[in-house]
């Protein structure tokens, strides 16, 4: 008869350990499954475009930056206000300039030359124009202040070289009240001829024809009258009369 060993059964402690292990495995499986399910089905909310996720609550309370359209409108209003202010200032200066010029002319008409100079200089403080310098030229010439008269007429010419009368005034001053040579006069005439308004160039030509004659330059004078005939043929008869007169002298 064969002796058999009795069957071996786990002890109570071992059974409890096995049960705990199985439960732990089940719990882990459930947790992992739950996490996977959540990750798969959760809804992701993307931050708004250009939104900084790190923006603090303090920044949310700041005054918002104006829109570009609002900034442009504001700048436009500022520019318009500045333009209106400049326009108002210019209007005031123009009125002051006119008043000073009127006072200067009135004083000159009364023979109050020093007072006229004061008013002309006041006008210059408002606006430097060729008209003011021309007025100064007239006053200085009346005072026989040749140097200042020449400075004034040169300033007028610089501001408005097109105006033929200024060139004639300069030639008159130099010819009548200085000892400049005829060649110097001719140089001034030649410069003016290039700069004056073409419509009034004839006035400078005929004026200098007289200057040439007064300086004994008969040939130049005749040549200038010939040039005048070509420049303004409507008066050819008059200019030819001057040529005939000079040739018969």
C-alpha atoms as a PDB file:
ATOM      1  CA  UNK A   1       0.000   0.000   0.000  1.00  0.00           C
ATOM      2  CA  UNK A   2       1.389   3.271  -1.124  1.00  0.00           C
ATOM      3  CA  UNK A   3       1.465   6.020   1.445  1.00  0.00           C
ATOM      4  CA  UNK A   4       0.172   9.382   0.025  1.00  0.00           C
ATOM      5  CA  UNK A   5       1.141  12.763   1.483  1.00  0.00           C
ATOM      6  CA  UNK A   6      -1.798  14.875   2.457  1.00  0.00           C
ATOM      7  CA  UNK A   7      -2.646  17.800   0.017  1.00  0.00           C
ATOM      8  CA  UNK A   8      -0.973  21.125   0.860  1.00  0.00           C
ATOM      9  CA  UNK A   9      -3.346  24.151   1.245  1.00  0.00           C
ATOM     10  CA  UNK A  10      -2.236  27.749   1.644  1.00  0.00           C
ATOM     11  CA  UNK A  11      -2.328  29.165   5.070  1.00  0.00           C
ATOM     12  CA  UNK A  12      -4.809  31.841   6.114  1.00  0.00           C
ATOM     13  CA  UNK A  13      -2.108  34.506   6.018  1.00  0.00           C
ATOM     14  CA  UNK A  14      -1.025  33.614   2.517  1.00  0.00           C
ATOM     15  CA  UNK A  15      -4.630  33.716   1.307  1.00  0.00           C
ATOM     16  CA  UNK A  16      -5.086  37.211   2.661  1.00  0.00           C
ATOM     17  CA  UNK A  17      -1.902  38.395   0.929  1.00  0.00           C
ATOM     18  CA  UNK A  18      -3.044  36.955  -2.382  1.00  0.00           C
ATOM     19  CA  UNK A  19      -6.441  38.599  -2.064  1.00  0.00           C
ATOM     20  CA  UNK A  20      -4.882  41.984  -1.307  1.00  0.00           C
ATOM     21  CA  UNK A  21      -2.595  41.685  -4.317  1.00  0.00           C
ATOM     22  CA  UNK A  22      -5.500  40.917  -6.627  1.00  0.00           C
ATOM     23  CA  UNK A  23      -7.503  43.863  -5.295  1.00  0.00           C
ATOM     24  CA  UNK A  24      -4.526  46.198  -5.772  1.00  0.00           C
ATOM     25  CA  UNK A  25      -4.108  45.072  -9.369  1.00  0.00           C
ATOM     26  CA  UNK A  26      -7.807  45.651 -10.046  1.00  0.00           C
ATOM     27  CA  UNK A  27      -7.649  49.149  -8.516  1.00  0.00           C
ATOM     28  CA  UNK A  28      -4.600  50.056 -10.591  1.00  0.00           C
ATOM     29  CA  UNK A  29      -6.303  48.836 -13.758  1.00  0.00           C
ATOM     30  CA  UNK A  30      -9.401  50.882 -12.973  1.00  0.00           C
ATOM     31  CA  UNK A  31      -7.358  54.037 -12.276  1.00  0.00           C
ATOM     32  CA  UNK A  32      -5.331  53.709 -15.471  1.00  0.00           C
ATOM     33  CA  UNK A  33      -8.468  53.063 -17.473  1.00  0.00           C
ATOM     34  CA  UNK A  34     -10.178  56.089 -15.972  1.00  0.00           C
ATOM     35  CA  UNK A  35      -7.248  58.340 -16.778  1.00  0.00           C
ATOM     36  CA  UNK A  36      -7.139  57.104 -20.363  1.00  0.00           C
ATOM     37  CA  UNK A  37     -10.864  57.650 -20.783  1.00  0.00           C
ATOM     38  CA  UNK A  38     -10.636  61.186 -19.376  1.00  0.00           C
ATOM     39  CA  UNK A  39      -7.741  62.143 -21.615  1.00  0.00           C
ATOM     40  CA  UNK A  40      -9.560  60.835 -24.629  1.00  0.00           C
ATOM     41  CA  UNK A  41     -12.854  62.592 -24.018  1.00  0.00           C
ATOM     42  CA  UNK A  42     -11.946  65.823 -22.212  1.00  0.00           C
ATOM     43  CA  UNK A  43     -12.655  69.131 -24.046  1.00  0.00           C
ATOM     44  CA  UNK A  44      -9.612  71.356 -24.545  1.00  0.00           C
ATOM     45  CA  UNK A  45     -10.361  75.064 -24.544  1.00  0.00           C
ATOM     46  CA  UNK A  46      -7.727  76.972 -26.569  1.00  0.00           C
ATOM     47  CA  UNK A  47      -6.773  80.433 -25.436  1.00  0.00           C
ATOM     48  CA  UNK A  48      -8.117  83.275 -27.516  1.00  0.00           C
ATOM     49  CA  UNK A  49      -5.893  84.530 -30.313  1.00  0.00           C
ATOM     50  CA  UNK A  50      -3.282  87.003 -29.153  1.00  0.00           C
ATOM     51  CA  UNK A  51      -4.303  86.345 -25.555  1.00  0.00           C
ATOM     52  CA  UNK A  52      -1.437  86.016 -23.156  1.00  0.00           C
ATOM     53  CA  UNK A  53      -2.269  83.145 -20.766  1.00  0.00           C
ATOM     54  CA  UNK A  54       0.100  84.628 -18.226  1.00  0.00           C
ATOM     55  CA  UNK A  55      -1.727  87.962 -18.102  1.00  0.00           C
ATOM     56  CA  UNK A  56      -2.266  88.918 -14.525  1.00  0.00           C
ATOM     57  CA  UNK A  57      -5.485  90.183 -13.053  1.00  0.00           C
ATOM     58  CA  UNK A  58      -3.778  93.542 -12.514  1.00  0.00           C
ATOM     59  CA  UNK A  59      -3.257  93.926 -16.256  1.00  0.00           C
ATOM     60  CA  UNK A  60      -6.942  93.277 -16.837  1.00  0.00           C
ATOM     61  CA  UNK A  61      -7.735  96.359 -14.779  1.00  0.00           C
ATOM     62  CA  UNK A  62      -5.510  98.678 -16.864  1.00  0.00           C
ATOM     63  CA  UNK A  63      -7.075 101.296 -19.208  1.00  0.00           C
ATOM     64  CA  UNK A  64      -7.346  99.708 -22.671  1.00  0.00           C
ATOM     65  CA  UNK A  65      -5.179 101.035 -25.500  1.00  0.00           C
ATOM     66  CA  UNK A  66      -7.190 103.190 -27.949  1.00  0.00           C
ATOM     67  CA  UNK A  67      -8.027 101.656 -31.285  1.00  0.00           C
ATOM     68  CA  UNK A  68      -5.936 102.851 -34.291  1.00  0.00           C
ATOM     69  CA  UNK A  69      -8.984 104.612 -35.747  1.00  0.00           C
ATOM     70  CA  UNK A  70      -9.472 106.546 -32.514  1.00  0.00           C
ATOM     71  CA  UNK A  71      -5.810 107.559 -32.443  1.00  0.00           C
ATOM     72  CA  UNK A  72      -5.983 108.773 -36.048  1.00  0.00           C
ATOM     73  CA  UNK A  73      -9.122 110.781 -35.323  1.00  0.00           C
ATOM     74  CA  UNK A  74      -7.525 112.341 -32.246  1.00  0.00           C
ATOM     75  CA  UNK A  75      -4.375 113.265 -34.194  1.00  0.00           C
ATOM     76  CA  UNK A  76      -6.506 114.752 -36.961  1.00  0.00           C
ATOM     77  CA  UNK A  77      -8.326 116.939 -34.453  1.00  0.00           C
ATOM     78  CA  UNK A  78      -5.021 118.077 -32.942  1.00  0.00           C
ATOM     79  CA  UNK A  79      -3.635 118.938 -36.388  1.00  0.00           C
ATOM     80  CA  UNK A  80      -6.766 120.892 -37.260  1.00  0.00           C
ATOM     81  CA  UNK A  81      -6.552 122.831 -34.002  1.00  0.00           C
ATOM     82  CA  UNK A  82      -2.882 123.645 -34.636  1.00  0.00           C
ATOM     83  CA  UNK A  83      -3.665 124.763 -38.178  1.00  0.00           C
ATOM     84  CA  UNK A  84      -6.418 127.057 -36.937  1.00  0.00           C
ATOM     85  CA  UNK A  85      -4.084 128.530 -34.330  1.00  0.00           C
ATOM     86  CA  UNK A  86      -1.371 129.197 -36.920  1.00  0.00           C
ATOM     87  CA  UNK A  87      -3.932 130.740 -39.246  1.00  0.00           C
ATOM     88  CA  UNK A  88      -5.153 133.045 -36.490  1.00  0.00           C
ATOM     89  CA  UNK A  89      -1.594 134.092 -35.641  1.00  0.00           C
ATOM     90  CA  UNK A  90      -0.842 134.783 -39.311  1.00  0.00           C
ATOM     91  CA  UNK A  91      -3.985 136.890 -39.593  1.00  0.00           C
ATOM     92  CA  UNK A  92      -2.960 138.991 -36.592  1.00  0.00           C
ATOM     93  CA  UNK A  93       0.561 139.474 -37.961  1.00  0.00           C
ATOM     94  CA  UNK A  94      -0.802 140.480 -41.353  1.00  0.00           C
ATOM     95  CA  UNK A  95      -3.010 143.125 -39.761  1.00  0.00           C
ATOM     96  CA  UNK A  96      -0.073 144.440 -37.728  1.00  0.00           C
ATOM     97  CA  UNK A  97       2.104 144.487 -40.863  1.00  0.00           C
ATOM     98  CA  UNK A  98      -0.485 146.458 -42.819  1.00  0.00           C
ATOM     99  CA  UNK A  99      -0.857 148.949 -39.994  1.00  0.00           C
ATOM    100  CA  UNK A 100       2.910 149.479 -39.738  1.00  0.00           C
ATOM    101  CA  UNK A 101       3.219 149.940 -43.515  1.00  0.00           C
ATOM    102  CA  UNK A 102       0.412 152.493 -43.592  1.00  0.00           C
ATOM    103  CA  UNK A 103       2.016 154.412 -40.734  1.00  0.00           C
ATOM    104  CA  UNK A 104       5.403 154.341 -42.496  1.00  0.00           C
ATOM    105  CA  UNK A 105       3.986 155.730 -45.732  1.00  0.00           C
ATOM    106  CA  UNK A 106       2.058 158.412 -43.880  1.00  0.00           C
ATOM    107  CA  UNK A 107       5.168 159.462 -41.964  1.00  0.00           C
ATOM    108  CA  UNK A 108       7.232 159.565 -45.164  1.00  0.00           C
ATOM    109  CA  UNK A 109       4.602 161.690 -46.861  1.00  0.00           C
ATOM    110  CA  UNK A 110       4.921 164.174 -44.009  1.00  0.00           C
ATOM    111  CA  UNK A 111       8.690 164.243 -44.343  1.00  0.00           C
ATOM    112  CA  UNK A 112       9.129 162.418 -41.021  1.00  0.00           C
ATOM    113  CA  UNK A 113      11.827 160.098 -42.314  1.00  0.00           C
ATOM    114  CA  UNK A 114      13.097 158.797 -38.984  1.00  0.00           C
ATOM    115  CA  UNK A 115       9.585 157.896 -37.912  1.00  0.00           C
ATOM    116  CA  UNK A 116       9.020 156.212 -41.275  1.00  0.00           C
ATOM    117  CA  UNK A 117      12.113 154.073 -40.699  1.00  0.00           C
ATOM    118  CA  UNK A 118      10.766 153.013 -37.300  1.00  0.00           C
ATOM    119  CA  UNK A 119       7.493 151.867 -38.827  1.00  0.00           C
ATOM    120  CA  UNK A 120       9.192 150.073 -41.727  1.00  0.00           C
ATOM    121  CA  UNK A 121      11.408 148.193 -39.290  1.00  0.00           C
ATOM    122  CA  UNK A 122       8.332 147.316 -37.264  1.00  0.00           C
ATOM    123  CA  UNK A 123       6.794 145.874 -40.427  1.00  0.00           C
ATOM    124  CA  UNK A 124       9.934 143.802 -40.949  1.00  0.00           C
ATOM    125  CA  UNK A 125       9.471 142.276 -37.494  1.00  0.00           C
ATOM    126  CA  UNK A 126       6.133 140.886 -38.665  1.00  0.00           C
ATOM    127  CA  UNK A 127       7.084 139.844 -42.180  1.00  0.00           C
ATOM    128  CA  UNK A 128      10.183 140.390 -44.302  1.00  0.00           C
ATOM    129  CA  UNK A 129       8.928 141.281 -47.770  1.00  0.00           C
ATOM    130  CA  UNK A 130      10.417 143.054 -50.765  1.00  0.00           C
ATOM    131  CA  UNK A 131       7.796 145.790 -50.352  1.00  0.00           C
ATOM    132  CA  UNK A 132       9.181 146.773 -46.949  1.00  0.00           C
ATOM    133  CA  UNK A 133      12.762 146.875 -48.221  1.00  0.00           C
ATOM    134  CA  UNK A 134      11.631 148.960 -51.172  1.00  0.00           C
ATOM    135  CA  UNK A 135      10.094 151.415 -48.716  1.00  0.00           C
ATOM    136  CA  UNK A 136      13.338 151.543 -46.752  1.00  0.00           C
ATOM    137  CA  UNK A 137      15.199 152.208 -49.999  1.00  0.00           C
ATOM    138  CA  UNK A 138      13.001 155.219 -50.708  1.00  0.00           C
ATOM    139  CA  UNK A 139      13.517 156.649 -47.216  1.00  0.00           C
ATOM    140  CA  UNK A 140      17.288 156.111 -47.203  1.00  0.00           C
ATOM    141  CA  UNK A 141      17.543 157.653 -50.663  1.00  0.00           C
ATOM    142  CA  UNK A 142      15.623 160.699 -49.453  1.00  0.00           C
ATOM    143  CA  UNK A 143      18.066 160.977 -46.545  1.00  0.00           C
ATOM    144  CA  UNK A 144      20.947 160.589 -49.000  1.00  0.00           C
ATOM    145  CA  UNK A 145      22.078 157.515 -47.051  1.00  0.00           C
ATOM    146  CA  UNK A 146      23.463 155.775 -50.127  1.00  0.00           C
ATOM    147  CA  UNK A 147      25.011 152.765 -48.416  1.00  0.00           C
ATOM    148  CA  UNK A 148      21.830 151.811 -46.578  1.00  0.00           C
ATOM    149  CA  UNK A 149      19.743 152.540 -49.656  1.00  0.00           C
ATOM    150  CA  UNK A 150      21.853 150.101 -51.641  1.00  0.00           C
ATOM    151  CA  UNK A 151      21.523 147.435 -48.939  1.00  0.00           C
ATOM    152  CA  UNK A 152      17.755 147.890 -48.931  1.00  0.00           C
ATOM    153  CA  UNK A 153      17.299 147.665 -52.706  1.00  0.00           C
ATOM    154  CA  UNK A 154      19.561 144.612 -52.882  1.00  0.00           C
ATOM    155  CA  UNK A 155      17.379 142.950 -50.237  1.00  0.00           C
ATOM    156  CA  UNK A 156      14.249 143.772 -52.247  1.00  0.00           C
ATOM    157  CA  UNK A 157      15.805 142.327 -55.407  1.00  0.00           C
ATOM    158  CA  UNK A 158      16.852 139.173 -53.588  1.00  0.00           C
ATOM    159  CA  UNK A 159      13.282 138.567 -52.443  1.00  0.00           C
ATOM    160  CA  UNK A 160      11.682 139.478 -55.767  1.00  0.00           C
ATOM    161  CA  UNK A 161      14.141 139.557 -58.682  1.00  0.00           C
ATOM    162  CA  UNK A 162      11.283 139.446 -61.192  1.00  0.00           C
ATOM    163  CA  UNK A 163      10.199 142.992 -60.401  1.00  0.00           C
ATOM    164  CA  UNK A 164      11.798 145.226 -63.035  1.00  0.00           C
ATOM    165  CA  UNK A 165      11.365 148.452 -61.066  1.00  0.00           C
ATOM    166  CA  UNK A 166      13.825 147.275 -58.409  1.00  0.00           C
ATOM    167  CA  UNK A 167      16.559 146.855 -61.020  1.00  0.00           C
ATOM    168  CA  UNK A 168      15.782 150.301 -62.412  1.00  0.00           C
ATOM    169  CA  UNK A 169      15.932 151.749 -58.882  1.00  0.00           C
ATOM    170  CA  UNK A 170      19.330 150.176 -58.307  1.00  0.00           C
ATOM    171  CA  UNK A 171      20.678 151.458 -61.619  1.00  0.00           C
ATOM    172  CA  UNK A 172      19.328 154.923 -60.850  1.00  0.00           C
ATOM    173  CA  UNK A 173      20.964 154.936 -57.413  1.00  0.00           C
ATOM    174  CA  UNK A 174      24.328 153.756 -58.725  1.00  0.00           C
ATOM    175  CA  UNK A 175      24.312 156.030 -61.758  1.00  0.00           C
ATOM    176  CA  UNK A 176      23.120 159.197 -60.034  1.00  0.00           C
ATOM    177  CA  UNK A 177      24.625 158.963 -56.555  1.00  0.00           C
ATOM    178  CA  UNK A 178      27.797 156.871 -56.804  1.00  0.00           C
ATOM    179  CA  UNK A 179      30.979 156.839 -58.845  1.00  0.00           C
ATOM    180  CA  UNK A 180      30.658 153.315 -60.210  1.00  0.00           C
ATOM    181  CA  UNK A 181      31.920 152.747 -63.720  1.00  0.00           C
ATOM    182  CA  UNK A 182      29.698 152.327 -66.744  1.00  0.00           C
ATOM    183  CA  UNK A 183      30.851 148.719 -66.938  1.00  0.00           C
ATOM    184  CA  UNK A 184      29.555 148.160 -63.394  1.00  0.00           C
ATOM    185  CA  UNK A 185      26.221 149.607 -64.450  1.00  0.00           C
ATOM    186  CA  UNK A 186      26.209 147.371 -67.488  1.00  0.00           C
ATOM    187  CA  UNK A 187      26.876 144.340 -65.297  1.00  0.00           C
ATOM    188  CA  UNK A 188      23.868 145.168 -63.122  1.00  0.00           C
ATOM    189  CA  UNK A 189      21.727 145.603 -66.233  1.00  0.00           C
ATOM    190  CA  UNK A 190      22.910 142.281 -67.692  1.00  0.00           C
ATOM    191  CA  UNK A 191      22.121 140.456 -64.443  1.00  0.00           C
ATOM    192  CA  UNK A 192      18.693 142.018 -64.260  1.00  0.00           C
ATOM    193  CA  UNK A 193      17.970 141.171 -67.880  1.00  0.00           C
ATOM    194  CA  UNK A 194      18.331 137.477 -67.021  1.00  0.00           C
ATOM    195  CA  UNK A 195      16.089 137.632 -63.953  1.00  0.00           C
ATOM    196  CA  UNK A 196      13.246 140.059 -64.574  1.00  0.00           C
ATOM    197  CA  UNK A 197       9.785 139.047 -65.659  1.00  0.00           C
ATOM    198  CA  UNK A 198       9.905 138.574 -69.461  1.00  0.00           C
ATOM    199  CA  UNK A 199       6.690 140.565 -69.752  1.00  0.00           C
ATOM    200  CA  UNK A 200       8.383 143.690 -68.386  1.00  0.00           C
ATOM    201  CA  UNK A 201      11.892 143.131 -69.725  1.00  0.00           C
ATOM    202  CA  UNK A 202      11.315 145.821 -72.333  1.00  0.00           C
ATOM    203  CA  UNK A 203      11.101 148.420 -69.541  1.00  0.00           C
ATOM    204  CA  UNK A 204      14.603 147.545 -68.336  1.00  0.00           C
ATOM    205  CA  UNK A 205      16.021 147.627 -71.873  1.00  0.00           C
ATOM    206  CA  UNK A 206      14.620 151.051 -72.700  1.00  0.00           C
ATOM    207  CA  UNK A 207      15.635 152.416 -69.292  1.00  0.00           C
ATOM    208  CA  UNK A 208      19.216 151.286 -69.708  1.00  0.00           C
ATOM    209  CA  UNK A 209      19.307 152.756 -73.206  1.00  0.00           C
ATOM    210  CA  UNK A 210      18.858 156.110 -71.477  1.00  0.00           C
ATOM    211  CA  UNK A 211      21.581 155.256 -68.932  1.00  0.00           C
ATOM    212  CA  UNK A 212      23.971 154.379 -71.752  1.00  0.00           C
ATOM    213  CA  UNK A 213      23.255 157.674 -73.491  1.00  0.00           C
ATOM    214  CA  UNK A 214      23.797 159.700 -70.305  1.00  0.00           C
ATOM    215  CA  UNK A 215      27.142 157.976 -69.884  1.00  0.00           C
ATOM    216  CA  UNK A 216      28.217 158.926 -73.419  1.00  0.00           C
ATOM    217  CA  UNK A 217      27.800 155.385 -74.760  1.00  0.00           C
ATOM    218  CA  UNK A 218      26.023 156.284 -78.004  1.00  0.00           C
ATOM    219  CA  UNK A 219      26.741 153.003 -79.768  1.00  0.00           C
ATOM    220  CA  UNK A 220      25.398 150.972 -76.854  1.00  0.00           C
ATOM    221  CA  UNK A 221      22.327 153.176 -76.667  1.00  0.00           C
ATOM    222  CA  UNK A 222      21.526 152.646 -80.356  1.00  0.00           C
ATOM    223  CA  UNK A 223      22.094 148.911 -79.964  1.00  0.00           C
ATOM    224  CA  UNK A 224      19.684 148.826 -77.024  1.00  0.00           C
ATOM    225  CA  UNK A 225      16.967 150.627 -78.982  1.00  0.00           C
ATOM    226  CA  UNK A 226      17.442 148.131 -81.811  1.00  0.00           C
ATOM    227  CA  UNK A 227      17.039 145.323 -79.304  1.00  0.00           C
ATOM    228  CA  UNK A 228      13.889 147.004 -78.010  1.00  0.00           C
ATOM    229  CA  UNK A 229      12.426 146.976 -81.536  1.00  0.00           C
ATOM    230  CA  UNK A 230      12.897 143.213 -81.741  1.00  0.00           C
ATOM    231  CA  UNK A 231      11.659 142.661 -78.213  1.00  0.00           C
ATOM    232  CA  UNK A 232       8.513 144.762 -78.542  1.00  0.00           C
ATOM    233  CA  UNK A 233       7.746 145.415 -82.220  1.00  0.00           C
ATOM    234  CA  UNK A 234       4.455 147.127 -81.374  1.00  0.00           C
ATOM    235  CA  UNK A 235       6.487 150.226 -80.460  1.00  0.00           C
ATOM    236  CA  UNK A 236       8.966 149.981 -83.324  1.00  0.00           C
ATOM    237  CA  UNK A 237       8.132 153.463 -84.603  1.00  0.00           C
ATOM    238  CA  UNK A 238       8.898 155.035 -81.227  1.00  0.00           C
ATOM    239  CA  UNK A 239      12.139 153.102 -80.805  1.00  0.00           C
ATOM    240  CA  UNK A 240      13.228 153.910 -84.365  1.00  0.00           C
ATOM    241  CA  UNK A 241      12.686 157.564 -83.564  1.00  0.00           C
ATOM    242  CA  UNK A 242      15.211 157.258 -80.708  1.00  0.00           C
ATOM    243  CA  UNK A 243      17.679 155.566 -83.032  1.00  0.00           C
ATOM    244  CA  UNK A 244      17.316 158.332 -85.629  1.00  0.00           C
ATOM    245  CA  UNK A 245      17.763 160.989 -82.971  1.00  0.00           C
ATOM    246  CA  UNK A 246      20.989 159.426 -81.687  1.00  0.00           C
ATOM    247  CA  UNK A 247      22.391 158.935 -85.178  1.00  0.00           C
ATOM    248  CA  UNK A 248      21.782 162.594 -86.010  1.00  0.00           C
ATOM    249  CA  UNK A 249      23.555 163.871 -82.906  1.00  0.00           C
END
